[in-house]
Amino acid sequence: MKFRTDFVTNSSDSSYLTFNIKNKVFYDYLSNLGMRFENTKPGEFSDRMRVVLPSGASARFGDPDNWNIPFLKDCPSISAWIVALLVWESGMWEDEYSDFSKELIVLLDEAGIHFDEEMKDLSAKVDRFDENIEEAVVEHIQGSEGLAHAIVHASYTEVHDGKRMGVQYNNEFDVRTEACKGLEFVVTGELKFFENREQLAETIKKMRGKVSDRVSENTAYLICSDIHSDSSEMEKAKELGISVLPELAFIRRFCNEDEFDGIKEEGEVDMDAGILTLVGGVFDYVVENGMAPIVMEVWKDGKWQKEGKYKRGGGR
């Protein structure tokens, strides 16, 4: 789903949103409150759905007048994001809730789910439903276009079997660089910019980092350019919530990229990001251009978390 609103002649704000979340338990819970979901399969939430309240009031996703959508990264759980989406996407404009939103907030409040913009109480009530997600894919891109270039905020997440993988990208900020000192890496798969794994390992060691043969809780990053690899290292990274760096992302984060041939400058990548608000594809864009790590999380103790000792590894 993509919709655009023009504000002035030379500037516009755009939002691109696609999602499909299979969670029958949460779907049934909201249905039992009196909500009805149309244009989507039973047990699923999707960008095509229409939400109908007990009074008959309804909201259709994709209304061209509505572009103010909550970012998944600002919500503690996907279930909390769904509730925030229902409230905001239904017509919040200039800090005013639509009649649909007001009725929905009352309905939730009567059920003991108190909605506020910080979502603390909301989170306490509905985060638990993420445990029941069968699978989910959410892609959200927001762009603000002017005379220079689009300012893009983008995110992608997918969930399978209690494991979550996602990326965050913001072309207003530089790639966050770090020092290798004290970090442990595991390298797998084919390389493009280094001659072989041995050369990459030597580079890490020269920067006072460590290289291991196996992914463990001590691993800071798995370096692997094939994100869809079914290798034992990738499976272990998903199981432990260890962030993954494609080779190019490792170079941008830890090396001097000017010393490597064939790397598009970061500024050029950011300039081209405006196309994402039209066609989507943020995950492949970020991975192929090495702009951020792929963050892995696992569902444990009622929340999404990283299991390894190295718990950073966020986006830009």
Protein backbone atom coordinates (compact mmCIF):
# COMPACT_ATOMS: atom_id res chain seq x y z
CA MET A 1 0.00 0.00 0.00
CA LYS A 2 1.34 3.41 -0.92
CA PHE A 3 -0.25 6.80 -0.61
CA ARG A 4 0.99 10.33 -1.01
CA THR A 5 -0.20 13.71 0.21
CA ASP A 6 1.06 16.94 -1.38
CA PHE A 7 1.35 19.94 0.94
CA VAL A 8 3.01 22.58 -1.19
CA THR A 9 4.10 22.86 -4.80
CA ASN A 10 7.71 21.83 -4.28
CA SER A 11 7.39 19.44 -1.35
CA SER A 12 5.37 16.39 -0.37
CA ASP A 13 5.26 13.73 2.31
CA SER A 14 4.92 10.10 1.29
CA SER A 15 4.33 6.90 3.15
CA TYR A 16 4.68 3.32 1.97
CA LEU A 17 3.26 0.53 4.10
CA THR A 18 2.77 -3.17 3.47
CA PHE A 19 2.12 -5.76 6.15
CA ASN A 20 0.63 -9.18 6.70
CA ILE A 21 0.56 -10.54 10.24
CA LYS A 22 -0.86 -13.96 11.07
CA ASN A 23 -1.92 -14.02 14.70
CA LYS A 24 -5.20 -15.82 15.26
CA VAL A 25 -5.11 -15.45 19.07
CA PHE A 26 -4.82 -11.65 18.93
CA TYR A 27 -7.30 -11.48 16.04
CA ASP A 28 -9.86 -13.43 18.09
CA TYR A 29 -9.16 -11.28 21.16
CA LEU A 30 -9.91 -8.05 19.29
CA SER A 31 -12.91 -9.66 17.59
CA ASN A 32 -14.33 -10.58 20.99
CA LEU A 33 -14.18 -6.89 21.92
CA GLY A 34 -16.67 -6.26 19.12
CA MET A 35 -14.27 -5.33 16.32
CA ARG A 36 -14.73 -6.84 12.87
CA PHE A 37 -12.06 -7.17 10.18
CA GLU A 38 -13.02 -7.23 6.52
CA ASN A 39 -11.00 -7.70 3.31
CA THR A 40 -8.49 -9.90 5.10
CA LYS A 41 -8.31 -13.59 5.94
CA PRO A 42 -9.59 -14.74 9.35
CA GLY A 43 -6.74 -14.60 11.83
CA GLU A 44 -4.69 -12.16 9.76
CA PHE A 45 -4.07 -8.41 9.82
CA SER A 46 -3.14 -6.89 6.47
CA ASP A 47 -2.80 -3.53 4.70
CA ARG A 48 -6.00 -4.28 2.77
CA MET A 49 -8.28 -4.68 5.77
CA ARG A 50 -11.25 -2.59 6.79
CA VAL A 51 -11.93 -2.33 10.53
CA VAL A 52 -15.56 -2.11 11.70
CA LEU A 53 -16.50 -1.12 15.28
CA PRO A 54 -19.66 -2.23 17.16
CA SER A 55 -21.45 1.00 16.18
CA GLY A 56 -20.82 0.27 12.51
CA ALA A 57 -18.18 2.98 12.17
CA SER A 58 -15.35 1.76 9.97
CA ALA A 59 -11.93 2.74 8.68
CA ARG A 60 -10.27 1.53 5.51
CA PHE A 61 -6.51 1.32 5.29
CA GLY A 62 -4.93 3.20 2.43
CA ASP A 63 -7.11 6.29 2.63
CA PRO A 64 -5.08 8.90 0.65
CA ASP A 65 -5.82 11.56 3.28
CA ASN A 66 -4.04 9.60 6.00
CA TRP A 67 -0.27 9.23 6.09
CA ASN A 68 0.61 9.59 9.77
CA ILE A 69 1.55 5.99 10.61
CA PRO A 70 3.34 4.79 13.77
CA PHE A 71 6.76 3.26 13.19
CA LEU A 72 7.21 -0.31 14.35
CA LYS A 73 10.53 0.65 15.96
CA ASP A 74 8.64 3.01 18.30
CA CYS A 75 6.44 0.18 19.59
CA PRO A 76 7.63 -2.52 22.01
CA SER A 77 5.76 -5.25 20.16
CA ILE A 78 4.06 -5.93 16.85
CA SER A 79 0.76 -6.36 18.68
CA ALA A 80 1.10 -2.90 20.26
CA TRP A 81 1.91 -1.53 16.80
CA ILE A 82 -1.30 -3.01 15.40
CA VAL A 83 -3.35 -1.21 18.06
CA ALA A 84 -1.48 2.08 17.48
CA LEU A 85 -2.00 1.64 13.75
CA LEU A 86 -5.74 1.14 14.21
CA VAL A 87 -5.97 4.33 16.25
CA TRP A 88 -3.71 6.59 14.17
CA GLU A 89 -4.24 5.31 10.66
CA SER A 90 -7.99 5.67 10.99
CA GLY A 91 -7.78 9.44 10.81
CA MET A 92 -5.47 11.15 13.30
CA TRP A 93 -4.67 14.53 11.82
CA GLU A 94 -3.13 17.62 13.37
CA ASP A 95 -3.22 16.01 16.85
CA GLU A 96 -6.96 15.41 16.60
CA TYR A 97 -8.48 11.93 16.70
CA SER A 98 -11.20 11.01 14.24
CA ASP A 99 -14.61 9.87 15.51
CA PHE A 100 -13.58 6.30 14.67
CA SER A 101 -10.41 6.66 16.71
CA LYS A 102 -12.25 8.12 19.68
CA GLU A 103 -14.74 5.25 19.71
CA LEU A 104 -11.93 2.72 19.37
CA ILE A 105 -10.02 4.26 22.29
CA VAL A 106 -13.15 4.02 24.47
CA LEU A 107 -13.65 0.39 23.41
CA LEU A 108 -10.07 -0.46 24.32
CA ASP A 109 -10.29 1.45 27.61
CA GLU A 110 -13.37 -0.51 28.64
CA ALA A 111 -11.37 -3.69 28.01
CA GLY A 112 -8.58 -2.43 30.28
CA ILE A 113 -6.26 -1.46 27.43
CA HIS A 114 -5.41 2.20 27.97
CA PHE A 115 -4.00 3.82 24.87
CA ASP A 116 -1.56 6.70 25.13
CA GLU A 117 1.13 7.89 22.76
CA GLU A 118 3.93 6.46 24.91
CA MET A 119 2.13 3.11 24.78
CA LYS A 120 3.40 1.98 28.21
CA ASP A 121 0.10 0.65 29.49
CA LEU A 122 -0.85 -0.56 26.03
CA SER A 123 2.37 -2.50 25.89
CA ALA A 124 1.75 -4.12 29.26
CA LYS A 125 -1.61 -5.42 28.04
CA VAL A 126 -0.89 -6.60 24.50
CA ASP A 127 2.84 -7.33 24.12
CA ARG A 128 2.17 -10.90 25.21
CA PHE A 129 0.23 -11.60 22.03
CA ASP A 130 3.45 -11.50 19.99
CA GLU A 131 4.10 -14.98 21.33
CA ASN A 132 1.26 -16.18 19.10
CA ILE A 133 2.52 -14.69 15.83
CA GLU A 134 2.69 -17.46 13.25
CA GLU A 135 4.50 -15.27 10.77
CA ALA A 136 4.67 -11.57 9.94
CA VAL A 137 6.12 -9.17 7.41
CA VAL A 138 6.00 -5.40 7.91
CA GLU A 139 7.63 -2.79 5.66
CA HIS A 140 7.16 0.91 6.39
CA ILE A 141 8.85 3.79 4.60
CA GLN A 142 8.19 7.47 5.20
CA GLY A 143 9.63 10.16 2.96
CA SER A 144 9.64 13.95 3.05
CA GLU A 145 10.51 15.31 -0.37
CA GLY A 146 11.74 18.84 -1.12
CA LEU A 147 13.99 20.74 -3.49
CA ALA A 148 17.17 18.83 -2.55
CA HIS A 149 16.42 15.16 -1.97
CA ALA A 150 14.00 12.96 -0.07
CA ILE A 151 14.50 12.42 3.65
CA VAL A 152 13.70 8.77 4.16
CA HIS A 153 12.92 6.82 7.33
CA ALA A 154 12.48 3.12 6.62
CA SER A 155 12.09 -0.17 8.44
CA TYR A 156 11.47 -3.80 7.66
CA THR A 157 10.79 -6.73 9.95
CA GLU A 158 9.75 -10.34 9.52
CA VAL A 159 8.91 -13.02 12.06
CA HIS A 160 9.02 -16.81 11.77
CA ASP A 161 8.92 -19.41 14.56
CA GLY A 162 9.54 -16.96 17.37
CA LYS A 163 12.53 -15.38 15.62
CA ARG A 164 12.54 -11.81 14.34
CA MET A 165 14.79 -10.25 11.69
CA GLY A 166 14.78 -6.59 10.70
CA VAL A 167 16.61 -3.51 9.49
CA GLN A 168 16.27 0.21 10.20
CA TYR A 169 17.43 2.89 7.77
CA ASN A 170 17.46 6.67 8.00
CA ASN A 171 19.26 8.59 5.27
CA GLU A 172 19.60 11.71 7.45
CA PHE A 173 22.41 10.12 9.44
CA ASP A 174 25.78 8.62 8.66
CA VAL A 175 26.45 4.93 9.09
CA ARG A 176 27.43 4.43 12.71
CA THR A 177 31.08 3.41 12.92
CA GLU A 178 32.69 1.38 15.69
CA ALA A 179 36.03 0.05 16.81
CA CYS A 180 36.73 -3.66 16.43
CA LYS A 181 38.67 -3.83 19.69
CA GLY A 182 37.28 -6.53 21.94
CA LEU A 183 34.54 -7.63 19.53
CA GLU A 184 34.23 -11.21 18.36
CA PHE A 185 33.23 -12.01 14.77
CA VAL A 186 32.35 -15.13 12.82
CA VAL A 187 32.82 -15.10 9.04
CA THR A 188 30.94 -17.36 6.63
CA GLY A 189 30.02 -17.48 2.94
CA GLU A 190 31.60 -15.94 -0.15
CA LEU A 191 33.31 -12.55 -0.12
CA LYS A 192 33.48 -9.85 -2.78
CA PHE A 193 35.73 -7.11 -1.43
CA PHE A 194 38.22 -9.23 0.51
CA GLU A 195 40.24 -11.88 -1.33
CA ASN A 196 39.21 -14.58 1.13
CA ARG A 197 38.12 -15.17 4.71
CA GLU A 198 41.73 -15.28 5.89
CA GLN A 199 42.31 -11.71 4.67
CA LEU A 200 39.16 -10.51 6.40
CA ALA A 201 40.16 -12.33 9.60
CA GLU A 202 43.60 -10.69 9.52
CA THR A 203 41.96 -7.28 9.06
CA ILE A 204 39.80 -7.86 12.13
CA LYS A 205 42.78 -8.98 14.20
CA LYS A 206 44.84 -5.95 13.14
CA MET A 207 42.01 -3.80 14.50
CA ARG A 208 42.27 -5.78 17.77
CA GLY A 209 39.09 -7.75 17.19
CA LYS A 210 38.64 -11.50 17.56
CA VAL A 211 37.60 -14.15 15.05
CA SER A 212 35.86 -17.40 15.98
CA ASP A 213 34.77 -20.43 13.98
CA ARG A 214 31.40 -20.74 15.69
CA VAL A 215 28.54 -18.40 16.57
CA SER A 216 27.94 -18.18 20.32
CA GLU A 217 26.61 -15.73 22.91
CA ASN A 218 30.03 -14.05 22.74
CA THR A 219 29.64 -13.23 19.03
CA ALA A 220 29.18 -9.53 18.32
CA TYR A 221 28.40 -9.99 14.60
CA LEU A 222 28.12 -12.77 12.06
CA ILE A 223 29.60 -11.53 8.78
CA CYS A 224 27.60 -13.14 5.97
CA SER A 225 26.45 -11.59 2.69
CA ASP A 226 23.87 -14.30 1.95
CA ILE A 227 21.09 -13.35 4.32
CA HIS A 228 18.99 -16.30 3.17
CA SER A 229 21.75 -18.80 3.89
CA ASP A 230 20.70 -21.98 5.67
CA SER A 231 24.17 -22.48 7.12
CA SER A 232 24.54 -23.63 10.71
CA GLU A 233 26.14 -20.25 11.56
CA MET A 234 23.13 -18.30 10.25
CA GLU A 235 20.68 -20.59 12.04
CA LYS A 236 22.60 -20.14 15.29
CA ALA A 237 22.62 -16.35 14.83
CA LYS A 238 18.84 -16.39 14.49
CA GLU A 239 18.50 -18.67 17.51
CA LEU A 240 20.67 -16.44 19.72
CA GLY A 241 19.65 -13.05 18.36
CA ILE A 242 23.10 -12.22 16.95
CA SER A 243 23.17 -9.33 14.47
CA VAL A 244 24.38 -10.07 10.95
CA LEU A 245 26.63 -7.82 8.85
CA PRO A 246 26.93 -8.29 5.11
CA GLU A 247 30.55 -7.84 4.00
CA LEU A 248 29.89 -4.31 2.72
CA ALA A 249 28.16 -3.34 5.96
CA PHE A 250 31.24 -4.54 7.86
CA ILE A 251 33.46 -2.33 5.66
CA ARG A 252 31.28 0.75 6.17
CA ARG A 253 31.09 0.15 9.93
CA PHE A 254 34.70 -0.76 10.72
CA CYS A 255 36.99 0.05 7.77
CA ASN A 256 37.98 2.91 5.46
CA GLU A 257 35.71 2.26 2.48
CA ASP A 258 37.93 4.45 0.26
CA GLU A 259 40.49 1.64 0.34
CA PHE A 260 38.11 -0.71 -1.50
CA ASP A 261 37.10 -0.65 -5.16
CA GLY A 262 33.54 -0.69 -6.43
CA ILE A 263 31.79 0.74 -3.36
CA LYS A 264 29.14 3.37 -3.95
CA GLU A 265 29.64 6.36 -1.67
CA GLU A 266 27.31 6.54 1.28
CA GLY A 267 26.01 9.95 0.24
CA GLU A 268 25.10 8.65 -3.20
CA VAL A 269 23.20 5.73 -1.66
CA ASP A 270 21.29 8.15 0.58
CA MET A 271 20.44 10.39 -2.37
CA ASP A 272 18.90 7.43 -4.20
CA ALA A 273 16.80 6.34 -1.23
CA GLY A 274 13.78 8.41 -2.32
CA ILE A 275 12.79 5.65 -4.75
CA LEU A 276 11.93 3.47 -1.75
CA THR A 277 8.79 5.51 -1.02
CA LEU A 278 7.52 4.52 -4.46
CA VAL A 279 8.47 0.87 -4.80
CA GLY A 280 9.50 -0.40 -1.35
CA GLY A 281 12.27 -2.97 -1.04
CA VAL A 282 14.06 -1.40 1.93
CA PHE A 283 15.49 -4.71 3.19
CA ASP A 284 17.29 -5.55 -0.06
CA TYR A 285 18.34 -1.90 -0.46
CA VAL A 286 19.95 -1.74 2.98
CA VAL A 287 21.61 -5.15 2.66
CA GLU A 288 22.97 -4.62 -0.85
CA ASN A 289 24.38 -1.19 0.03
CA GLY A 290 25.71 -2.16 3.46
CA MET A 291 23.90 0.66 5.26
CA ALA A 292 22.94 -1.11 8.51
CA PRO A 293 23.20 -4.44 10.32
CA ILE A 294 20.45 -7.04 10.12
CA VAL A 295 19.20 -7.25 13.68
CA MET A 296 18.11 -10.67 14.96
CA GLU A 297 15.87 -11.09 17.99
CA VAL A 298 14.13 -13.98 19.70
CA TRP A 299 10.90 -14.10 21.71
CA LYS A 300 11.75 -14.87 25.32
CA ASP A 301 10.26 -13.99 28.71
CA GLY A 302 7.45 -12.00 27.13
CA LYS A 303 9.47 -9.73 24.89
CA TRP A 304 11.72 -9.53 21.84
CA GLN A 305 15.36 -9.58 22.85
CA LYS A 306 18.89 -10.38 21.84
CA GLU A 307 20.32 -13.36 23.65
CA GLY A 308 24.02 -12.69 23.13
CA LYS A 309 26.23 -10.73 25.49
CA TYR A 310 26.69 -8.04 22.83
CA LYS A 311 23.26 -6.44 22.88
CA ARG A 312 23.81 -3.40 20.71
CA GLY A 313 23.82 -3.57 16.93
CA GLY A 314 20.95 -1.23 16.06
CA GLY A 315 20.50 0.83 12.93
CA ARG A 316 21.44 4.36 12.09
